[in-house]
N, C-alpha and C. Protein backbone atom coordinates (compact mmCIF):
# COMPACT_ATOMS: atom_id res chain seq x y z
N SER A 1 -43.45 58.74 -107.42
CA SER A 1 -42.26 59.26 -106.80
C SER A 1 -41.23 59.51 -107.86
N ARG A 2 -40.64 60.68 -107.77
CA ARG A 2 -39.69 61.11 -108.79
C ARG A 2 -38.29 60.66 -108.44
N GLN A 3 -37.55 60.18 -109.42
CA GLN A 3 -36.19 59.73 -109.19
C GLN A 3 -35.26 60.92 -109.25
N SER A 4 -34.35 61.01 -108.32
CA SER A 4 -33.42 62.12 -108.25
C SER A 4 -32.36 61.98 -109.33
N THR A 5 -32.09 63.10 -110.00
CA THR A 5 -31.03 63.11 -111.01
C THR A 5 -29.83 63.89 -110.52
N THR A 6 -29.90 64.38 -109.29
CA THR A 6 -28.76 65.14 -108.78
C THR A 6 -27.65 64.18 -108.36
N HIS A 7 -26.45 64.73 -108.31
CA HIS A 7 -25.29 63.94 -107.92
C HIS A 7 -25.43 63.56 -106.45
N PRO A 8 -25.23 62.32 -106.10
CA PRO A 8 -25.42 61.89 -104.72
C PRO A 8 -24.35 62.42 -103.77
N GLY A 9 -23.31 63.09 -104.23
CA GLY A 9 -22.24 63.60 -103.36
C GLY A 9 -21.18 62.55 -103.18
N PRO A 10 -20.17 62.90 -102.42
CA PRO A 10 -19.07 61.96 -102.25
C PRO A 10 -19.55 60.72 -101.50
N SER A 11 -19.13 59.59 -101.99
CA SER A 11 -19.54 58.35 -101.32
C SER A 11 -18.60 58.09 -100.16
N LYS A 12 -19.13 57.49 -99.14
CA LYS A 12 -18.31 57.13 -97.98
C LYS A 12 -17.68 55.78 -98.28
N ALA A 13 -16.43 55.66 -97.88
CA ALA A 13 -15.73 54.41 -98.13
C ALA A 13 -16.37 53.31 -97.31
N SER A 14 -16.67 52.22 -97.95
CA SER A 14 -17.22 51.08 -97.22
C SER A 14 -16.07 50.34 -96.57
N PRO A 15 -16.37 49.50 -95.60
CA PRO A 15 -15.30 48.78 -94.94
C PRO A 15 -14.44 47.96 -95.91
N ALA A 16 -15.01 47.55 -97.01
CA ALA A 16 -14.25 46.73 -97.96
C ALA A 16 -13.32 47.57 -98.82
N GLU A 17 -13.63 48.86 -98.97
CA GLU A 17 -12.80 49.71 -99.81
C GLU A 17 -11.58 50.17 -99.04
N PRO A 18 -10.41 50.18 -99.66
CA PRO A 18 -9.23 50.68 -98.97
C PRO A 18 -9.33 52.19 -98.79
N ARG A 19 -8.81 52.67 -97.68
CA ARG A 19 -8.79 54.10 -97.41
C ARG A 19 -7.59 54.72 -98.11
N PRO A 20 -7.71 55.99 -98.47
CA PRO A 20 -6.52 56.66 -98.99
C PRO A 20 -5.42 56.61 -97.93
N ARG A 21 -4.17 56.46 -98.35
CA ARG A 21 -3.05 56.25 -97.43
C ARG A 21 -2.95 57.36 -96.37
N ALA A 22 -3.11 58.62 -96.74
CA ALA A 22 -2.98 59.72 -95.78
C ALA A 22 -4.07 59.64 -94.72
N LEU A 23 -5.29 59.34 -95.14
CA LEU A 23 -6.40 59.23 -94.20
C LEU A 23 -6.16 58.05 -93.25
N HIS A 24 -5.68 56.94 -93.78
CA HIS A 24 -5.42 55.76 -92.97
C HIS A 24 -4.32 56.06 -91.94
N ALA A 25 -3.26 56.74 -92.34
CA ALA A 25 -2.17 57.06 -91.43
C ALA A 25 -2.65 57.99 -90.32
N ALA A 26 -3.47 58.99 -90.69
CA ALA A 26 -3.96 59.94 -89.69
C ALA A 26 -4.87 59.24 -88.69
N SER A 27 -5.76 58.38 -89.18
CA SER A 27 -6.67 57.71 -88.25
C SER A 27 -5.91 56.69 -87.40
N ALA A 28 -4.88 56.07 -87.95
CA ALA A 28 -4.07 55.13 -87.18
C ALA A 28 -3.33 55.87 -86.07
N ALA A 29 -2.82 57.06 -86.38
CA ALA A 29 -2.12 57.85 -85.36
C ALA A 29 -3.09 58.28 -84.27
N ALA A 30 -4.30 58.69 -84.66
CA ALA A 30 -5.31 59.09 -83.68
C ALA A 30 -5.71 57.90 -82.80
N ALA A 31 -5.85 56.74 -83.41
CA ALA A 31 -6.21 55.53 -82.64
C ALA A 31 -5.09 55.18 -81.66
N ALA A 32 -3.85 55.31 -82.09
CA ALA A 32 -2.72 55.00 -81.21
C ALA A 32 -2.69 55.98 -80.04
N GLN A 33 -2.98 57.26 -80.31
CA GLN A 33 -3.00 58.25 -79.23
C GLN A 33 -4.12 57.95 -78.24
N ARG A 34 -5.31 57.58 -78.74
CA ARG A 34 -6.42 57.22 -77.85
C ARG A 34 -6.05 56.02 -76.99
N SER A 35 -5.37 55.06 -77.60
CA SER A 35 -4.96 53.86 -76.87
C SER A 35 -3.98 54.20 -75.75
N ARG A 36 -3.01 55.10 -76.06
CA ARG A 36 -2.04 55.52 -75.03
C ARG A 36 -2.75 56.23 -73.88
N ARG A 37 -3.74 57.09 -74.21
CA ARG A 37 -4.47 57.78 -73.16
C ARG A 37 -5.24 56.79 -72.28
N ARG A 38 -5.87 55.79 -72.91
CA ARG A 38 -6.60 54.79 -72.14
C ARG A 38 -5.66 54.01 -71.23
N ARG A 39 -4.49 53.63 -71.77
CA ARG A 39 -3.52 52.90 -70.97
C ARG A 39 -3.06 53.75 -69.80
N ARG A 40 -2.80 55.03 -70.05
CA ARG A 40 -2.33 55.93 -69.00
C ARG A 40 -3.38 56.04 -67.90
N ARG A 41 -4.67 56.14 -68.31
CA ARG A 41 -5.73 56.23 -67.32
C ARG A 41 -5.86 54.94 -66.54
N ARG A 42 -5.61 53.80 -67.21
CA ARG A 42 -5.76 52.51 -66.55
C ARG A 42 -4.57 52.17 -65.67
N MET A 43 -3.42 52.86 -65.86
CA MET A 43 -2.25 52.53 -65.06
C MET A 43 -2.62 52.72 -63.60
N SER A 44 -2.39 51.71 -62.81
CA SER A 44 -2.78 51.79 -61.40
C SER A 44 -1.76 52.59 -60.61
N TRP A 45 -2.21 53.09 -59.47
CA TRP A 45 -1.31 53.82 -58.59
C TRP A 45 -0.21 52.88 -58.10
N GLN A 46 -0.55 51.60 -57.93
CA GLN A 46 0.46 50.64 -57.49
C GLN A 46 1.58 50.52 -58.51
N THR A 47 1.26 50.63 -59.78
CA THR A 47 2.28 50.58 -60.83
C THR A 47 3.26 51.74 -60.67
N TYR A 48 2.75 52.92 -60.32
CA TYR A 48 3.65 54.06 -60.10
C TYR A 48 4.62 53.77 -58.96
N VAL A 49 4.12 53.16 -57.89
CA VAL A 49 5.00 52.83 -56.76
C VAL A 49 6.02 51.77 -57.17
N ASP A 50 5.53 50.68 -57.76
CA ASP A 50 6.40 49.55 -58.10
C ASP A 50 7.41 49.89 -59.19
N ASP A 51 6.95 50.55 -60.26
CA ASP A 51 7.81 50.75 -61.43
C ASP A 51 8.56 52.08 -61.44
N HIS A 52 8.07 53.06 -60.69
CA HIS A 52 8.71 54.38 -60.75
C HIS A 52 9.38 54.78 -59.44
N LEU A 53 8.71 54.54 -58.32
CA LEU A 53 9.33 54.92 -57.04
C LEU A 53 10.33 53.87 -56.57
N CYS A 54 10.00 52.62 -56.74
CA CYS A 54 10.88 51.55 -56.24
C CYS A 54 11.81 51.02 -57.33
N CYS A 55 11.99 51.80 -58.39
CA CYS A 55 12.89 51.39 -59.47
C CYS A 55 14.34 51.53 -59.02
N GLU A 56 15.22 50.89 -59.76
CA GLU A 56 16.64 50.94 -59.42
C GLU A 56 17.29 52.16 -60.07
N ILE A 57 18.07 52.90 -59.27
CA ILE A 57 18.83 54.06 -59.76
C ILE A 57 20.28 53.84 -59.36
N ASP A 58 21.14 53.74 -60.35
CA ASP A 58 22.56 53.52 -60.08
C ASP A 58 22.78 52.35 -59.12
N GLY A 59 21.99 51.29 -59.29
CA GLY A 59 22.12 50.11 -58.45
C GLY A 59 21.46 50.22 -57.09
N GLN A 60 20.77 51.34 -56.82
CA GLN A 60 20.13 51.57 -55.52
C GLN A 60 18.62 51.74 -55.72
N HIS A 61 17.87 51.52 -54.65
CA HIS A 61 16.43 51.77 -54.71
C HIS A 61 15.93 52.20 -53.34
N LEU A 62 14.74 52.81 -53.31
CA LEU A 62 14.15 53.26 -52.06
C LEU A 62 13.88 52.07 -51.15
N THR A 63 13.95 52.30 -49.86
CA THR A 63 13.61 51.27 -48.88
C THR A 63 12.11 51.00 -48.91
N SER A 64 11.32 52.08 -49.00
CA SER A 64 9.87 51.96 -49.12
C SER A 64 9.32 53.25 -49.73
N ALA A 65 8.10 53.16 -50.23
CA ALA A 65 7.49 54.30 -50.90
C ALA A 65 5.97 54.18 -50.86
N ALA A 66 5.30 55.31 -51.02
CA ALA A 66 3.84 55.31 -51.04
C ALA A 66 3.32 56.55 -51.76
N ILE A 67 2.07 56.43 -52.20
CA ILE A 67 1.32 57.56 -52.73
C ILE A 67 0.06 57.63 -51.86
N LEU A 68 -0.14 58.78 -51.22
CA LEU A 68 -1.28 58.98 -50.33
C LEU A 68 -2.10 60.16 -50.81
N GLY A 69 -3.39 60.12 -50.52
CA GLY A 69 -4.23 61.29 -50.74
C GLY A 69 -3.92 62.31 -49.66
N HIS A 70 -4.31 63.56 -49.87
CA HIS A 70 -4.09 64.60 -48.87
C HIS A 70 -4.80 64.27 -47.55
N ASP A 71 -5.83 63.42 -47.63
CA ASP A 71 -6.57 63.03 -46.42
C ASP A 71 -5.91 61.85 -45.70
N GLY A 72 -4.77 61.38 -46.23
CA GLY A 72 -4.06 60.26 -45.60
C GLY A 72 -4.47 58.90 -46.13
N SER A 73 -5.42 58.87 -47.06
CA SER A 73 -5.83 57.58 -47.64
C SER A 73 -4.69 57.03 -48.50
N VAL A 74 -4.48 55.73 -48.41
CA VAL A 74 -3.41 55.08 -49.16
C VAL A 74 -3.90 54.79 -50.57
N TRP A 75 -3.23 55.36 -51.56
CA TRP A 75 -3.53 55.05 -52.96
C TRP A 75 -2.72 53.84 -53.39
N ALA A 76 -1.48 53.78 -52.92
CA ALA A 76 -0.61 52.64 -53.22
C ALA A 76 0.61 52.74 -52.30
N GLN A 77 1.21 51.58 -52.00
CA GLN A 77 2.40 51.59 -51.16
C GLN A 77 3.20 50.32 -51.39
N SER A 78 4.49 50.43 -51.07
CA SER A 78 5.33 49.24 -51.13
C SER A 78 4.99 48.36 -49.93
N PRO A 79 5.29 47.08 -50.02
CA PRO A 79 4.91 46.16 -48.94
C PRO A 79 5.47 46.54 -47.56
N ASN A 80 6.65 47.14 -47.53
CA ASN A 80 7.29 47.45 -46.25
C ASN A 80 7.13 48.91 -45.83
N PHE A 81 6.18 49.64 -46.44
CA PHE A 81 5.96 51.02 -46.04
C PHE A 81 5.45 51.04 -44.60
N PRO A 82 5.99 51.94 -43.74
CA PRO A 82 5.60 51.92 -42.33
C PRO A 82 4.12 52.22 -42.10
N GLN A 83 3.56 51.57 -41.10
CA GLN A 83 2.19 51.84 -40.68
C GLN A 83 2.19 53.20 -39.98
N PHE A 84 1.49 54.16 -40.53
CA PHE A 84 1.52 55.53 -40.00
C PHE A 84 0.21 55.86 -39.30
N LYS A 85 0.26 56.93 -38.51
CA LYS A 85 -0.92 57.40 -37.79
C LYS A 85 -1.51 58.60 -38.53
N PRO A 86 -2.83 58.77 -38.49
CA PRO A 86 -3.46 59.92 -39.16
C PRO A 86 -2.86 61.25 -38.73
N GLU A 87 -2.50 61.38 -37.44
CA GLU A 87 -1.94 62.66 -36.97
C GLU A 87 -0.56 62.94 -37.58
N GLU A 88 0.17 61.88 -37.97
CA GLU A 88 1.46 62.09 -38.63
C GLU A 88 1.26 62.71 -40.01
N ILE A 89 0.26 62.22 -40.74
CA ILE A 89 -0.04 62.78 -42.07
C ILE A 89 -0.60 64.20 -41.91
N ALA A 90 -1.42 64.42 -40.90
CA ALA A 90 -1.96 65.77 -40.64
C ALA A 90 -0.82 66.75 -40.38
N GLY A 91 0.20 66.32 -39.64
CA GLY A 91 1.37 67.17 -39.38
C GLY A 91 2.13 67.50 -40.65
N ILE A 92 2.26 66.50 -41.54
CA ILE A 92 2.94 66.72 -42.82
C ILE A 92 2.17 67.73 -43.67
N ILE A 93 0.85 67.53 -43.76
CA ILE A 93 0.01 68.46 -44.54
C ILE A 93 0.11 69.87 -43.95
N LYS A 94 0.10 69.98 -42.62
CA LYS A 94 0.19 71.30 -41.97
C LYS A 94 1.52 71.96 -42.32
N ASP A 95 2.62 71.17 -42.42
CA ASP A 95 3.92 71.75 -42.76
C ASP A 95 3.92 72.25 -44.21
N PHE A 96 3.17 71.60 -45.09
CA PHE A 96 3.06 72.11 -46.46
C PHE A 96 2.29 73.44 -46.46
N GLU A 97 1.27 73.53 -45.62
CA GLU A 97 0.47 74.75 -45.54
C GLU A 97 1.19 75.87 -44.78
N GLU A 98 1.92 75.48 -43.73
CA GLU A 98 2.66 76.43 -42.90
C GLU A 98 4.11 75.95 -42.80
N PRO A 99 4.92 76.25 -43.83
CA PRO A 99 6.31 75.76 -43.83
C PRO A 99 7.05 76.12 -42.54
N GLY A 100 7.74 75.12 -42.00
CA GLY A 100 8.46 75.30 -40.75
C GLY A 100 7.74 74.72 -39.55
N HIS A 101 6.47 74.31 -39.73
CA HIS A 101 5.67 73.76 -38.63
C HIS A 101 6.34 72.55 -37.98
N LEU A 102 6.96 71.67 -38.77
CA LEU A 102 7.56 70.45 -38.24
C LEU A 102 9.00 70.64 -37.74
N ALA A 103 9.63 71.74 -38.08
CA ALA A 103 11.04 71.93 -37.74
C ALA A 103 11.34 71.77 -36.24
N PRO A 104 10.54 72.36 -35.35
CA PRO A 104 10.87 72.24 -33.92
C PRO A 104 10.70 70.81 -33.37
N THR A 105 9.71 70.08 -33.86
CA THR A 105 9.40 68.76 -33.29
C THR A 105 9.95 67.61 -34.10
N GLY A 106 10.22 67.85 -35.37
CA GLY A 106 10.63 66.78 -36.28
C GLY A 106 9.44 66.21 -37.02
N LEU A 107 9.72 65.49 -38.08
CA LEU A 107 8.70 64.83 -38.89
C LEU A 107 8.59 63.39 -38.40
N PHE A 108 7.39 62.96 -38.10
CA PHE A 108 7.18 61.58 -37.66
C PHE A 108 6.40 60.82 -38.73
N LEU A 109 6.84 59.60 -39.01
CA LEU A 109 6.12 58.72 -39.92
C LEU A 109 6.34 57.29 -39.43
N GLY A 110 5.26 56.61 -39.12
CA GLY A 110 5.35 55.26 -38.59
C GLY A 110 6.10 55.20 -37.28
N GLY A 111 6.01 56.28 -36.49
CA GLY A 111 6.70 56.34 -35.21
C GLY A 111 8.17 56.70 -35.30
N THR A 112 8.71 56.79 -36.51
CA THR A 112 10.11 57.15 -36.70
C THR A 112 10.21 58.67 -36.83
N LYS A 113 11.16 59.25 -36.10
CA LYS A 113 11.35 60.70 -36.13
C LYS A 113 12.47 61.05 -37.10
N TYR A 114 12.17 61.98 -38.01
CA TYR A 114 13.14 62.50 -38.97
C TYR A 114 13.38 63.97 -38.65
N MET A 115 14.64 64.39 -38.70
CA MET A 115 14.97 65.79 -38.55
C MET A 115 14.66 66.47 -39.90
N VAL A 116 13.85 67.52 -39.86
CA VAL A 116 13.46 68.21 -41.08
C VAL A 116 14.64 69.03 -41.58
N ILE A 117 14.99 68.82 -42.85
CA ILE A 117 16.08 69.57 -43.46
C ILE A 117 15.54 70.38 -44.63
N GLN A 118 16.38 71.15 -45.25
CA GLN A 118 15.98 72.06 -46.33
C GLN A 118 15.15 71.34 -47.38
N GLY A 119 14.03 71.96 -47.73
CA GLY A 119 13.16 71.46 -48.79
C GLY A 119 12.70 72.63 -49.64
N GLU A 120 11.55 72.51 -50.24
CA GLU A 120 10.95 73.61 -50.98
C GLU A 120 9.63 73.93 -50.30
N PRO A 121 9.52 75.08 -49.64
CA PRO A 121 8.31 75.40 -48.88
C PRO A 121 7.03 75.20 -49.70
N GLY A 122 6.11 74.43 -49.13
CA GLY A 122 4.83 74.17 -49.77
C GLY A 122 4.86 73.12 -50.86
N VAL A 123 6.07 72.62 -51.21
CA VAL A 123 6.18 71.68 -52.34
C VAL A 123 6.88 70.38 -51.95
N VAL A 124 8.02 70.47 -51.25
CA VAL A 124 8.81 69.30 -50.88
C VAL A 124 9.28 69.42 -49.44
N ILE A 125 9.12 68.33 -48.70
CA ILE A 125 9.66 68.23 -47.34
C ILE A 125 10.71 67.13 -47.37
N ARG A 126 11.86 67.40 -46.77
CA ARG A 126 12.92 66.41 -46.70
C ARG A 126 13.27 66.19 -45.23
N GLY A 127 13.52 64.94 -44.88
CA GLY A 127 13.89 64.61 -43.51
C GLY A 127 15.09 63.68 -43.49
N LYS A 128 15.83 63.70 -42.39
CA LYS A 128 17.05 62.90 -42.25
C LYS A 128 16.99 62.15 -40.94
N LYS A 129 17.42 60.89 -40.96
CA LYS A 129 17.56 60.09 -39.74
C LYS A 129 18.73 59.16 -39.94
N GLY A 130 19.81 59.40 -39.21
CA GLY A 130 20.99 58.55 -39.33
C GLY A 130 21.52 58.54 -40.75
N THR A 131 21.65 57.34 -41.33
CA THR A 131 22.19 57.21 -42.68
C THR A 131 21.09 57.23 -43.75
N GLY A 132 19.87 57.47 -43.33
CA GLY A 132 18.75 57.47 -44.27
C GLY A 132 17.93 58.73 -44.15
N GLY A 133 16.76 58.67 -44.76
CA GLY A 133 15.89 59.83 -44.70
C GLY A 133 14.61 59.62 -45.48
N ILE A 134 13.91 60.72 -45.71
CA ILE A 134 12.61 60.71 -46.38
C ILE A 134 12.48 61.95 -47.25
N THR A 135 11.81 61.80 -48.38
CA THR A 135 11.43 62.92 -49.24
C THR A 135 9.94 62.81 -49.49
N ILE A 136 9.24 63.93 -49.34
CA ILE A 136 7.80 63.97 -49.57
C ILE A 136 7.50 65.10 -50.54
N LYS A 137 6.87 64.77 -51.64
CA LYS A 137 6.49 65.76 -52.66
C LYS A 137 4.97 65.88 -52.63
N LYS A 138 4.49 67.10 -52.57
CA LYS A 138 3.04 67.35 -52.58
C LYS A 138 2.61 67.72 -54.00
N THR A 139 1.58 67.05 -54.49
CA THR A 139 0.97 67.42 -55.76
C THR A 139 -0.41 68.01 -55.45
N GLY A 140 -1.17 68.33 -56.46
CA GLY A 140 -2.49 68.90 -56.24
C GLY A 140 -3.43 67.98 -55.48
N MET A 141 -3.23 66.66 -55.59
CA MET A 141 -4.15 65.71 -54.98
C MET A 141 -3.47 64.67 -54.08
N ALA A 142 -2.15 64.57 -54.16
CA ALA A 142 -1.47 63.46 -53.49
C ALA A 142 -0.19 63.88 -52.80
N LEU A 143 0.30 62.97 -51.95
CA LEU A 143 1.63 63.06 -51.36
C LEU A 143 2.42 61.87 -51.90
N ILE A 144 3.61 62.13 -52.42
CA ILE A 144 4.50 61.08 -52.91
C ILE A 144 5.59 60.96 -51.85
N LEU A 145 5.72 59.79 -51.24
CA LEU A 145 6.69 59.60 -50.16
C LEU A 145 7.71 58.54 -50.54
N GLY A 146 8.97 58.85 -50.29
CA GLY A 146 10.05 57.90 -50.51
C GLY A 146 10.95 57.87 -49.30
N ILE A 147 11.24 56.68 -48.81
CA ILE A 147 12.14 56.50 -47.66
C ILE A 147 13.36 55.75 -48.16
N TYR A 148 14.55 56.20 -47.75
CA TYR A 148 15.79 55.58 -48.22
C TYR A 148 16.73 55.32 -47.07
N ASP A 149 17.72 54.50 -47.32
CA ASP A 149 18.82 54.28 -46.39
C ASP A 149 20.06 54.06 -47.22
N GLU A 150 21.23 54.19 -46.59
CA GLU A 150 22.47 53.95 -47.33
C GLU A 150 22.44 52.56 -47.93
N PRO A 151 23.00 52.36 -49.08
CA PRO A 151 23.90 53.25 -49.80
C PRO A 151 23.20 54.26 -50.73
N MET A 152 21.86 54.27 -50.78
CA MET A 152 21.19 55.30 -51.58
C MET A 152 21.48 56.66 -50.95
N THR A 153 21.63 57.66 -51.80
CA THR A 153 21.94 59.00 -51.31
C THR A 153 20.66 59.84 -51.23
N PRO A 154 20.69 60.92 -50.43
CA PRO A 154 19.53 61.81 -50.38
C PRO A 154 19.18 62.35 -51.77
N GLY A 155 20.19 62.69 -52.56
CA GLY A 155 19.95 63.22 -53.90
C GLY A 155 19.23 62.23 -54.81
N GLN A 156 19.58 60.95 -54.70
CA GLN A 156 18.91 59.93 -55.51
C GLN A 156 17.44 59.80 -55.10
N CYS A 157 17.19 59.82 -53.80
CA CYS A 157 15.81 59.75 -53.30
C CYS A 157 15.01 60.96 -53.79
N ASN A 158 15.60 62.15 -53.65
CA ASN A 158 14.93 63.37 -54.10
C ASN A 158 14.58 63.26 -55.58
N LEU A 159 15.51 62.79 -56.39
CA LEU A 159 15.30 62.67 -57.83
C LEU A 159 14.11 61.77 -58.15
N VAL A 160 14.08 60.60 -57.54
CA VAL A 160 13.02 59.63 -57.81
C VAL A 160 11.65 60.18 -57.40
N VAL A 161 11.56 60.68 -56.17
CA VAL A 161 10.27 61.14 -55.64
C VAL A 161 9.80 62.41 -56.37
N GLU A 162 10.69 63.37 -56.53
CA GLU A 162 10.29 64.64 -57.14
C GLU A 162 9.99 64.51 -58.62
N ARG A 163 10.69 63.64 -59.31
CA ARG A 163 10.42 63.43 -60.74
C ARG A 163 9.01 62.87 -60.93
N LEU A 164 8.62 61.87 -60.13
CA LEU A 164 7.27 61.33 -60.25
C LEU A 164 6.25 62.39 -59.84
N GLY A 165 6.53 63.13 -58.78
CA GLY A 165 5.62 64.18 -58.36
C GLY A 165 5.41 65.24 -59.43
N ASP A 166 6.49 65.65 -60.08
CA ASP A 166 6.38 66.64 -61.16
C ASP A 166 5.55 66.10 -62.31
N TYR A 167 5.75 64.82 -62.65
CA TYR A 167 4.96 64.19 -63.72
C TYR A 167 3.47 64.19 -63.36
N LEU A 168 3.15 63.81 -62.13
CA LEU A 168 1.75 63.76 -61.72
C LEU A 168 1.12 65.15 -61.71
N VAL A 169 1.89 66.17 -61.33
CA VAL A 169 1.38 67.55 -61.38
C VAL A 169 1.05 67.90 -62.84
N GLU A 170 1.93 67.56 -63.77
CA GLU A 170 1.69 67.83 -65.19
C GLU A 170 0.44 67.12 -65.69
N GLN A 171 0.14 65.94 -65.12
CA GLN A 171 -1.04 65.17 -65.53
C GLN A 171 -2.32 65.58 -64.80
N GLY A 172 -2.22 66.58 -63.94
CA GLY A 172 -3.39 67.09 -63.25
C GLY A 172 -3.68 66.46 -61.91
N PHE A 173 -2.73 65.71 -61.39
CA PHE A 173 -2.92 65.07 -60.08
C PHE A 173 -2.15 65.83 -59.02
């Protein structure tokens, strides 16, 4: 067997050899990005409800909140979110598909009737009842629901619910 006299090519750094600083920084940045993606994927839907929907805004927070699938399945909810009926969610979905569907009868959730007020057709439904109300944002896969009462304002509720909904749309949900 003949011994090779050709150059073996660039050697790969062994684990004991230090990496060049630029290569180390680039791989560290890539590892950090992979870690953030894994954490984002692992973040539970309950975390979105607890940390984002039920967070405090100007000293106020939602009375209750939930993230539901378009089929009405509960992905996550606050402990005091009302027990709803499948037909109530079906009515909400129908209003997203046919804006104005709920206007004559009102929006029902957990047996509570909300008067439907101005929203964004096909994207956001807003309802009012006394000193409180509801905001529902539709994403590609989910419904984000927030229920509020005074002293929280409708605008604060809209901000919380729609901001999370917009983020989830950007993430493909």
